[in-house]
PDB file of all heavy atoms in Angstrom:
ATOM      1  N   SER A   1      14.407   2.753  12.261  1.00  0.00           N
ATOM      2  CA  SER A   1      13.843   3.717  11.307  1.00  0.00           C
ATOM      3  C   SER A   1      13.652   3.046   9.944  1.00  0.00           C
ATOM      4  O   SER A   1      12.687   3.331   9.234  1.00  0.00           O
ATOM      5  CB  SER A   1      14.726   4.960  11.190  1.00  0.00           C
ATOM      6  OG  SER A   1      15.959   4.648  10.574  1.00  0.00           O
ATOM      7  N   ALA A   2      14.560   2.139   9.596  1.00  0.00           N
ATOM      8  CA  ALA A   2      14.398   1.382   8.345  1.00  0.00           C
ATOM      9  C   ALA A   2      13.217   0.416   8.444  1.00  0.00           C
ATOM     10  O   ALA A   2      12.505   0.199   7.458  1.00  0.00           O
ATOM     11  CB  ALA A   2      15.681   0.634   8.004  1.00  0.00           C
ATOM     12  N   VAL A   3      12.994  -0.155   9.629  1.00  0.00           N
ATOM     13  CA  VAL A   3      11.827  -1.029   9.830  1.00  0.00           C
ATOM     14  C   VAL A   3      10.550  -0.221   9.629  1.00  0.00           C
ATOM     15  O   VAL A   3       9.617  -0.670   8.943  1.00  0.00           O
ATOM     16  CB  VAL A   3      11.847  -1.676  11.240  1.00  0.00           C
ATOM     17  CG1 VAL A   3      10.529  -2.359  11.549  1.00  0.00           C
ATOM     18  CG2 VAL A   3      12.994  -2.664  11.365  1.00  0.00           C
ATOM     19  N   VAL A   4      10.505   0.977  10.189  1.00  0.00           N
ATOM     20  CA  VAL A   4       9.323   1.834  10.044  1.00  0.00           C
ATOM     21  C   VAL A   4       9.109   2.216   8.578  1.00  0.00           C
ATOM     22  O   VAL A   4       8.002   2.119   8.055  1.00  0.00           O
ATOM     23  CB  VAL A   4       9.449   3.096  10.932  1.00  0.00           C
ATOM     24  CG1 VAL A   4       8.370   4.118  10.606  1.00  0.00           C
ATOM     25  CG2 VAL A   4       9.388   2.711  12.404  1.00  0.00           C
ATOM     26  N   ALA A   5      10.189   2.620   7.893  1.00  0.00           N
ATOM     27  CA  ALA A   5      10.069   2.997   6.480  1.00  0.00           C
ATOM     28  C   ALA A   5       9.630   1.806   5.638  1.00  0.00           C
ATOM     29  O   ALA A   5       8.766   1.938   4.761  1.00  0.00           O
ATOM     30  CB  ALA A   5      11.390   3.561   5.965  1.00  0.00           C
ATOM     31  N   GLY A   6      10.194   0.638   5.897  1.00  0.00           N
ATOM     32  CA  GLY A   6       9.825  -0.559   5.148  1.00  0.00           C
ATOM     33  C   GLY A   6       8.385  -0.973   5.399  1.00  0.00           C
ATOM     34  O   GLY A   6       7.650  -1.333   4.469  1.00  0.00           O
ATOM     35  N   THR A   7       7.965  -0.922   6.664  1.00  0.00           N
ATOM     36  CA  THR A   7       6.596  -1.282   7.013  1.00  0.00           C
ATOM     37  C   THR A   7       5.606  -0.299   6.387  1.00  0.00           C
ATOM     38  O   THR A   7       4.572  -0.703   5.837  1.00  0.00           O
ATOM     39  CB  THR A   7       6.420  -1.321   8.541  1.00  0.00           C
ATOM     40  OG1 THR A   7       7.368  -2.247   9.086  1.00  0.00           O
ATOM     41  CG2 THR A   7       5.023  -1.728   8.936  1.00  0.00           C
ATOM     42  N   THR A   8       5.938   0.979   6.432  1.00  0.00           N
ATOM     43  CA  THR A   8       5.081   1.998   5.826  1.00  0.00           C
ATOM     44  C   THR A   8       5.001   1.793   4.316  1.00  0.00           C
ATOM     45  O   THR A   8       3.918   1.889   3.724  1.00  0.00           O
ATOM     46  CB  THR A   8       5.597   3.408   6.156  1.00  0.00           C
ATOM     47  OG1 THR A   8       5.718   3.533   7.573  1.00  0.00           O
ATOM     48  CG2 THR A   8       4.667   4.479   5.633  1.00  0.00           C
ATOM     49  N   ALA A   9       6.125   1.477   3.685  1.00  0.00           N
ATOM     50  CA  ALA A   9       6.129   1.217   2.240  1.00  0.00           C
ATOM     51  C   ALA A   9       5.266   0.013   1.909  1.00  0.00           C
ATOM     52  O   ALA A   9       4.520   0.028   0.924  1.00  0.00           O
ATOM     53  CB  ALA A   9       7.561   0.999   1.744  1.00  0.00           C
ATOM     54  N   LEU A  10       5.348  -1.025   2.734  1.00  0.00           N
ATOM     55  CA  LEU A  10       4.530  -2.218   2.496  1.00  0.00           C
ATOM     56  C   LEU A  10       3.045  -1.898   2.638  1.00  0.00           C
ATOM     57  O   LEU A  10       2.222  -2.316   1.818  1.00  0.00           O
ATOM     58  CB  LEU A  10       4.939  -3.342   3.451  1.00  0.00           C
ATOM     59  CG  LEU A  10       4.237  -4.682   3.262  1.00  0.00           C
ATOM     60  CD1 LEU A  10       4.445  -5.218   1.846  1.00  0.00           C
ATOM     61  CD2 LEU A  10       4.746  -5.688   4.287  1.00  0.00           C
ATOM     62  N   ILE A  11       2.687  -1.119   3.653  1.00  0.00           N
ATOM     63  CA  ILE A  11       1.281  -0.718   3.841  1.00  0.00           C
ATOM     64  C   ILE A  11       0.806   0.122   2.664  1.00  0.00           C
ATOM     65  O   ILE A  11      -0.274  -0.109   2.109  1.00  0.00           O
ATOM     66  CB  ILE A  11       1.107   0.034   5.179  1.00  0.00           C
ATOM     67  CG1 ILE A  11       1.301  -0.928   6.348  1.00  0.00           C
ATOM     68  CG2 ILE A  11      -0.254   0.732   5.247  1.00  0.00           C
ATOM     69  CD1 ILE A  11       1.442  -0.251   7.697  1.00  0.00           C
ATOM     70  N   GLU A  12       1.625   1.116   2.261  1.00  0.00           N
ATOM     71  CA  GLU A  12       1.256   1.962   1.128  1.00  0.00           C
ATOM     72  C   GLU A  12       1.143   1.135  -0.151  1.00  0.00           C
ATOM     73  O   GLU A  12       0.268   1.373  -0.981  1.00  0.00           O
ATOM     74  CB  GLU A  12       2.276   3.085   0.947  1.00  0.00           C
ATOM     75  CG  GLU A  12       2.221   4.122   2.050  1.00  0.00           C
ATOM     76  CD  GLU A  12       3.364   5.119   1.984  1.00  0.00           C
ATOM     77  OE1 GLU A  12       4.353   4.878   1.249  1.00  0.00           O
ATOM     78  OE2 GLU A  12       3.279   6.145   2.678  1.00  0.00           O
ATOM     79  N   HIS A  13       2.030   0.174  -0.282  1.00  0.00           N
ATOM     80  CA  HIS A  13       2.015  -0.708  -1.454  1.00  0.00           C
ATOM     81  C   HIS A  13       0.715  -1.503  -1.494  1.00  0.00           C
ATOM     82  O   HIS A  13       0.072  -1.619  -2.542  1.00  0.00           O
ATOM     83  CB  HIS A  13       3.222  -1.646  -1.368  1.00  0.00           C
ATOM     84  CG  HIS A  13       3.326  -2.605  -2.497  1.00  0.00           C
ATOM     85  ND1 HIS A  13       2.695  -3.827  -2.488  1.00  0.00           N
ATOM     86  CD2 HIS A  13       3.974  -2.521  -3.674  1.00  0.00           C
ATOM     87  CE1 HIS A  13       2.960  -4.454  -3.604  1.00  0.00           C
ATOM     88  NE2 HIS A  13       3.738  -3.685  -4.341  1.00  0.00           N
ATOM     89  N   LYS A  14       0.308  -2.056  -0.358  1.00  0.00           N
ATOM     90  CA  LYS A  14      -0.937  -2.827  -0.305  1.00  0.00           C
ATOM     91  C   LYS A  14      -2.148  -1.939  -0.557  1.00  0.00           C
ATOM     92  O   LYS A  14      -3.108  -2.365  -1.195  1.00  0.00           O
ATOM     93  CB  LYS A  14      -1.048  -3.551   1.040  1.00  0.00           C
ATOM     94  CG  LYS A  14      -0.076  -4.715   1.146  1.00  0.00           C
ATOM     95  CD  LYS A  14      -0.225  -5.466   2.441  1.00  0.00           C
ATOM     96  CE  LYS A  14       0.697  -6.660   2.468  1.00  0.00           C
ATOM     97  NZ  LYS A  14       0.523  -7.484   3.655  1.00  0.00           N
ATOM     98  N   GLN A  15      -2.114  -0.707  -0.054  1.00  0.00           N
ATOM     99  CA  GLN A  15      -3.213   0.222  -0.305  1.00  0.00           C
ATOM    100  C   GLN A  15      -3.315   0.563  -1.791  1.00  0.00           C
ATOM    101  O   GLN A  15      -4.412   0.623  -2.346  1.00  0.00           O
ATOM    102  CB  GLN A  15      -3.036   1.499   0.517  1.00  0.00           C
ATOM    103  CG  GLN A  15      -3.278   1.304   1.988  1.00  0.00           C
ATOM    104  CD  GLN A  15      -2.921   2.532   2.816  1.00  0.00           C
ATOM    105  OE1 GLN A  15      -2.222   3.422   2.364  1.00  0.00           O
ATOM    106  NE2 GLN A  15      -3.404   2.554   4.049  1.00  0.00           N
ATOM    107  N   ALA A  16      -2.173   0.763  -2.437  1.00  0.00           N
ATOM    108  CA  ALA A  16      -2.173   1.057  -3.875  1.00  0.00           C
ATOM    109  C   ALA A  16      -2.704  -0.137  -4.661  1.00  0.00           C
ATOM    110  O   ALA A  16      -3.462   0.030  -5.623  1.00  0.00           O
ATOM    111  CB  ALA A  16      -0.763   1.417  -4.342  1.00  0.00           C
ATOM    112  N   ALA A  17      -2.341  -1.332  -4.238  1.00  0.00           N
ATOM    113  CA  ALA A  17      -2.827  -2.539  -4.912  1.00  0.00           C
ATOM    114  C   ALA A  17      -4.338  -2.670  -4.741  1.00  0.00           C
ATOM    115  O   ALA A  17      -5.048  -3.053  -5.676  1.00  0.00           O
ATOM    116  CB  ALA A  17      -2.123  -3.773  -4.367  1.00  0.00           C
ATOM    117  N   ALA A  18      -4.838  -2.356  -3.550  1.00  0.00           N
ATOM    118  CA  ALA A  18      -6.277  -2.435  -3.302  1.00  0.00           C
ATOM    119  C   ALA A  18      -7.028  -1.417  -4.146  1.00  0.00           C
ATOM    120  O   ALA A  18      -8.124  -1.711  -4.646  1.00  0.00           O
ATOM    121  CB  ALA A  18      -6.579  -2.208  -1.826  1.00  0.00           C
ATOM    122  N   GLN A  19      -6.468  -0.225  -4.330  1.00  0.00           N
ATOM    123  CA  GLN A  19      -7.118   0.796  -5.154  1.00  0.00           C
ATOM    124  C   GLN A  19      -7.176   0.374  -6.613  1.00  0.00           C
ATOM    125  O   GLN A  19      -8.130   0.691  -7.316  1.00  0.00           O
ATOM    126  CB  GLN A  19      -6.392   2.130  -5.026  1.00  0.00           C
ATOM    127  CG  GLN A  19      -6.590   2.787  -3.688  1.00  0.00           C
ATOM    128  CD  GLN A  19      -5.753   4.048  -3.530  1.00  0.00           C
ATOM    129  OE1 GLN A  19      -4.965   4.396  -4.391  1.00  0.00           O
ATOM    130  NE2 GLN A  19      -5.935   4.725  -2.408  1.00  0.00           N
ATOM    131  N   GLU A  20      -6.151  -0.348  -7.061  1.00  0.00           N
ATOM    132  CA  GLU A  20      -6.137  -0.828  -8.449  1.00  0.00           C
ATOM    133  C   GLU A  20      -7.235  -1.844  -8.705  1.00  0.00           C
ATOM    134  O   GLU A  20      -7.788  -1.892  -9.788  1.00  0.00           O
ATOM    135  CB  GLU A  20      -4.800  -1.501  -8.766  1.00  0.00           C
ATOM    136  CG  GLU A  20      -3.711  -0.566  -9.127  1.00  0.00           C
ATOM    137  CD  GLU A  20      -2.436  -1.303  -9.481  1.00  0.00           C
ATOM    138  OE1 GLU A  20      -2.471  -2.539  -9.660  1.00  0.00           O
ATOM    139  OE2 GLU A  20      -1.406  -0.652  -9.573  1.00  0.00           O
ATOM    140  N   THR A  21      -7.523  -2.676  -7.705  1.00  0.00           N
ATOM    141  CA  THR A  21      -8.477  -3.763  -7.909  1.00  0.00           C
ATOM    142  C   THR A  21      -9.909  -3.364  -7.610  1.00  0.00           C
ATOM    143  O   THR A  21     -10.818  -4.129  -7.909  1.00  0.00           O
ATOM    144  CB  THR A  21      -8.114  -4.981  -7.037  1.00  0.00           C
ATOM    145  OG1 THR A  21      -8.094  -4.584  -5.657  1.00  0.00           O
ATOM    146  CG2 THR A  21      -6.760  -5.535  -7.438  1.00  0.00           C
ATOM    147  N   GLU A  22     -10.126  -2.186  -7.006  1.00  0.00           N
ATOM    148  CA  GLU A  22     -11.486  -1.743  -6.719  1.00  0.00           C
ATOM    149  C   GLU A  22     -12.210  -1.440  -8.027  1.00  0.00           C
ATOM    150  O   GLU A  22     -11.654  -0.802  -8.921  1.00  0.00           O
ATOM    151  CB  GLU A  22     -11.466  -0.475  -5.853  1.00  0.00           C
ATOM    152  CG  GLU A  22     -11.067  -0.722  -4.430  1.00  0.00           C
ATOM    153  CD  GLU A  22     -11.044   0.561  -3.616  1.00  0.00           C
ATOM    154  OE1 GLU A  22     -11.386   1.638  -4.159  1.00  0.00           O
ATOM    155  OE2 GLU A  22     -10.665   0.485  -2.453  1.00  0.00           O
ATOM    156  N   PRO A  23     -13.477  -1.894  -8.128  1.00  0.00           N
ATOM    157  CA  PRO A  23     -14.228  -1.582  -9.348  1.00  0.00           C
ATOM    158  C   PRO A  23     -14.557  -0.094  -9.390  1.00  0.00           C
ATOM    159  O   PRO A  23     -14.777   0.533  -8.362  1.00  0.00           O
ATOM    160  CB  PRO A  23     -15.494  -2.422  -9.219  1.00  0.00           C
ATOM    161  CG  PRO A  23     -15.619  -2.712  -7.771  1.00  0.00           C
ATOM    162  CD  PRO A  23     -14.219  -2.681  -7.198  1.00  0.00           C
ATOM    163  N   THR A  24     -14.559   0.450 -10.580  1.00  0.00           N
ATOM    164  CA  THR A  24     -14.900   1.864 -10.727  1.00  0.00           C
ATOM    165  C   THR A  24     -16.320   1.967 -11.254  1.00  0.00           C
ATOM    166  O   THR A  24     -16.774   1.145 -12.051  1.00  0.00           O
ATOM    167  CB  THR A  24     -13.929   2.557 -11.708  1.00  0.00           C
ATOM    168  OG1 THR A  24     -13.975   1.853 -12.946  1.00  0.00           O
ATOM    169  CG2 THR A  24     -12.510   2.556 -11.168  1.00  0.00           C
ATOM    170  N   ALA A  25     -17.019   2.971 -10.800  1.00  0.00           N
ATOM    171  CA  ALA A  25     -18.401   3.184 -11.237  1.00  0.00           C
ATOM    172  C   ALA A  25     -18.387   3.784 -12.633  1.00  0.00           C
ATOM    173  O   ALA A  25     -17.598   4.674 -12.932  1.00  0.00           O
ATOM    174  CB  ALA A  25     -19.103   4.127 -10.272  1.00  0.00           C
TER     175      ALA A  25
END
């Protein structure tokens, strides 16, 4: 369950990082 929570946090973290770097119109 900790592996799942950690993996999910890492995925969410990468998604948040990608949203930060996306150019805004």
